[in-house]
Amino acid sequence: MGHSTAEAQEEIQRFEELFTLLEDVGSIHREWKRLVNTYNVVGAKVYDTRLVAAMLVHKLTQVLTFDRDFSPYKGITVVRPSDVNLKK
């Protein structure tokens, strides 16, 4: 079962404290449309494609995810959580 609204708000706040949030600019929409057409994206895959568009616009090259469906996108490297060592 998912988070309650209060729990979700707490997670959002933690996320905002840990990470730099990048602006959702108009060029992301244009890149998203280009990617959808280039890769013939259909269905729920459009959501991953939107993330890829934002990454490309902001010049980010790695995504930390359990999802393996980022492989078609050139310039994006998938990093698995098991590959990350947070010990200092």
C-alpha atoms as a PDB file:
ATOM      1  CA  MET A   1       0.000   0.000   0.000  1.00  0.00           C
ATOM      2  CA  GLY A   2       1.178   3.534  -0.740  1.00  0.00           C
ATOM      3  CA  HIS A   3       1.951   6.451   1.513  1.00  0.00           C
ATOM      4  CA  SER A   4      -0.673   8.543   3.251  1.00  0.00           C
ATOM      5  CA  THR A   5      -0.821  12.188   2.159  1.00  0.00           C
ATOM      6  CA  ALA A   6       1.175  13.234   5.240  1.00  0.00           C
ATOM      7  CA  GLU A   7       3.825  10.563   4.584  1.00  0.00           C
ATOM      8  CA  ALA A   8       4.049  11.587   0.944  1.00  0.00           C
ATOM      9  CA  GLN A   9       4.555  15.218   1.966  1.00  0.00           C
ATOM     10  CA  GLU A  10       7.366  14.182   4.329  1.00  0.00           C
ATOM     11  CA  GLU A  11       9.058  12.203   1.542  1.00  0.00           C
ATOM     12  CA  ILE A  12       8.728  15.161  -0.839  1.00  0.00           C
ATOM     13  CA  GLN A  13      10.308  17.465   1.737  1.00  0.00           C
ATOM     14  CA  ARG A  14      13.217  15.049   2.265  1.00  0.00           C
ATOM     15  CA  PHE A  15      13.676  14.782  -1.488  1.00  0.00           C
ATOM     16  CA  GLU A  16      13.742  18.571  -1.852  1.00  0.00           C
ATOM     17  CA  GLU A  17      16.360  18.846   0.899  1.00  0.00           C
ATOM     18  CA  LEU A  18      18.608  16.189  -0.645  1.00  0.00           C
ATOM     19  CA  PHE A  19      18.513  17.170  -4.305  1.00  0.00           C
ATOM     20  CA  THR A  20      18.766  20.233  -6.486  1.00  0.00           C
ATOM     21  CA  LEU A  21      15.502  20.682  -8.356  1.00  0.00           C
ATOM     22  CA  LEU A  22      15.866  21.736 -11.974  1.00  0.00           C
ATOM     23  CA  GLU A  23      13.384  23.963 -13.722  1.00  0.00           C
ATOM     24  CA  ASP A  24      10.763  22.444 -16.013  1.00  0.00           C
ATOM     25  CA  VAL A  25      11.377  24.609 -19.068  1.00  0.00           C
ATOM     26  CA  GLY A  26       9.584  24.730 -22.415  1.00  0.00           C
ATOM     27  CA  SER A  27      12.488  23.111 -24.222  1.00  0.00           C
ATOM     28  CA  ILE A  28      11.763  19.900 -22.289  1.00  0.00           C
ATOM     29  CA  HIS A  29       8.369  19.630 -23.960  1.00  0.00           C
ATOM     30  CA  ARG A  30       9.926  20.072 -27.406  1.00  0.00           C
ATOM     31  CA  GLU A  31      12.584  17.450 -26.651  1.00  0.00           C
ATOM     32  CA  TRP A  32       9.882  15.100 -25.318  1.00  0.00           C
ATOM     33  CA  LYS A  33       7.918  15.392 -28.560  1.00  0.00           C
ATOM     34  CA  ARG A  34      11.079  14.720 -30.563  1.00  0.00           C
ATOM     35  CA  LEU A  35      11.922  11.622 -28.506  1.00  0.00           C
ATOM     36  CA  VAL A  36       8.369  10.246 -28.696  1.00  0.00           C
ATOM     37  CA  ASN A  37       8.484  10.538 -32.477  1.00  0.00           C
ATOM     38  CA  THR A  38      12.062   9.290 -32.841  1.00  0.00           C
ATOM     39  CA  TYR A  39      11.575   6.212 -30.656  1.00  0.00           C
ATOM     40  CA  ASN A  40       7.893   5.565 -31.537  1.00  0.00           C
ATOM     41  CA  VAL A  41       6.957   5.739 -27.849  1.00  0.00           C
ATOM     42  CA  VAL A  42       3.479   4.549 -26.877  1.00  0.00           C
ATOM     43  CA  GLY A  43       1.540   3.948 -23.677  1.00  0.00           C
ATOM     44  CA  ALA A  44       3.062   4.402 -20.247  1.00  0.00           C
ATOM     45  CA  LYS A  45       6.571   4.676 -21.730  1.00  0.00           C
ATOM     46  CA  VAL A  46       5.818   8.348 -22.425  1.00  0.00           C
ATOM     47  CA  TYR A  47       6.479   9.067 -18.731  1.00  0.00           C
ATOM     48  CA  ASP A  48      10.015   7.677 -18.858  1.00  0.00           C
ATOM     49  CA  THR A  49      10.519   9.577 -22.093  1.00  0.00           C
ATOM     50  CA  ARG A  50       9.525  12.813 -20.381  1.00  0.00           C
ATOM     51  CA  LEU A  51      12.197  12.165 -17.749  1.00  0.00           C
ATOM     52  CA  VAL A  52      14.766  11.471 -20.468  1.00  0.00           C
ATOM     53  CA  ALA A  53      13.807  14.720 -22.207  1.00  0.00           C
ATOM     54  CA  ALA A  54      14.368  16.673 -18.989  1.00  0.00           C
ATOM     55  CA  MET A  55      17.695  14.917 -18.458  1.00  0.00           C
ATOM     56  CA  LEU A  56      18.913  15.717 -21.953  1.00  0.00           C
ATOM     57  CA  VAL A  57      17.866  19.360 -21.740  1.00  0.00           C
ATOM     58  CA  HIS A  58      19.658  19.741 -18.409  1.00  0.00           C
ATOM     59  CA  LYS A  59      22.656  17.753 -19.689  1.00  0.00           C
ATOM     60  CA  LEU A  60      22.284  14.903 -17.196  1.00  0.00           C
ATOM     61  CA  THR A  61      23.573  11.543 -18.398  1.00  0.00           C
ATOM     62  CA  GLN A  62      22.833   9.070 -15.598  1.00  0.00           C
ATOM     63  CA  VAL A  63      19.570   7.914 -14.071  1.00  0.00           C
ATOM     64  CA  LEU A  64      19.384   5.935 -10.821  1.00  0.00           C
ATOM     65  CA  THR A  65      16.537   3.470 -11.271  1.00  0.00           C
ATOM     66  CA  PHE A  66      15.309  -0.112 -10.942  1.00  0.00           C
ATOM     67  CA  ASP A  67      13.733   0.329 -14.391  1.00  0.00           C
ATOM     68  CA  ARG A  68      15.600  -1.157 -17.338  1.00  0.00           C
ATOM     69  CA  ASP A  69      13.543   0.626 -19.998  1.00  0.00           C
ATOM     70  CA  PHE A  70      15.957   3.531 -20.489  1.00  0.00           C
ATOM     71  CA  SER A  71      18.262   1.513 -22.735  1.00  0.00           C
ATOM     72  CA  PRO A  72      16.906   2.800 -26.062  1.00  0.00           C
ATOM     73  CA  TYR A  73      17.853   6.384 -25.306  1.00  0.00           C
ATOM     74  CA  LYS A  74      21.262   7.476 -26.559  1.00  0.00           C
ATOM     75  CA  GLY A  75      23.302   9.406 -24.040  1.00  0.00           C
ATOM     76  CA  ILE A  76      21.546   8.007 -20.949  1.00  0.00           C
ATOM     77  CA  THR A  77      23.335   5.572 -18.635  1.00  0.00           C
ATOM     78  CA  VAL A  78      21.256   3.521 -16.205  1.00  0.00           C
ATOM     79  CA  VAL A  79      22.720   3.128 -12.717  1.00  0.00           C
ATOM     80  CA  ARG A  80      21.171   0.426 -10.550  1.00  0.00           C
ATOM     81  CA  PRO A  81      20.735   1.071  -6.821  1.00  0.00           C
ATOM     82  CA  SER A  82      22.850  -2.033  -6.155  1.00  0.00           C
ATOM     83  CA  ASP A  83      25.733  -0.328  -8.023  1.00  0.00           C
ATOM     84  CA  VAL A  84      25.819   2.597  -5.596  1.00  0.00           C
ATOM     85  CA  ASN A  85      28.072   2.492  -2.561  1.00  0.00           C
ATOM     86  CA  LEU A  86      27.023   5.171  -0.075  1.00  0.00           C
ATOM     87  CA  LYS A  87      29.599   4.221   2.540  1.00  0.00           C
ATOM     88  CA  LYS A  88      32.234   6.868   3.138  1.00  0.00           C
END
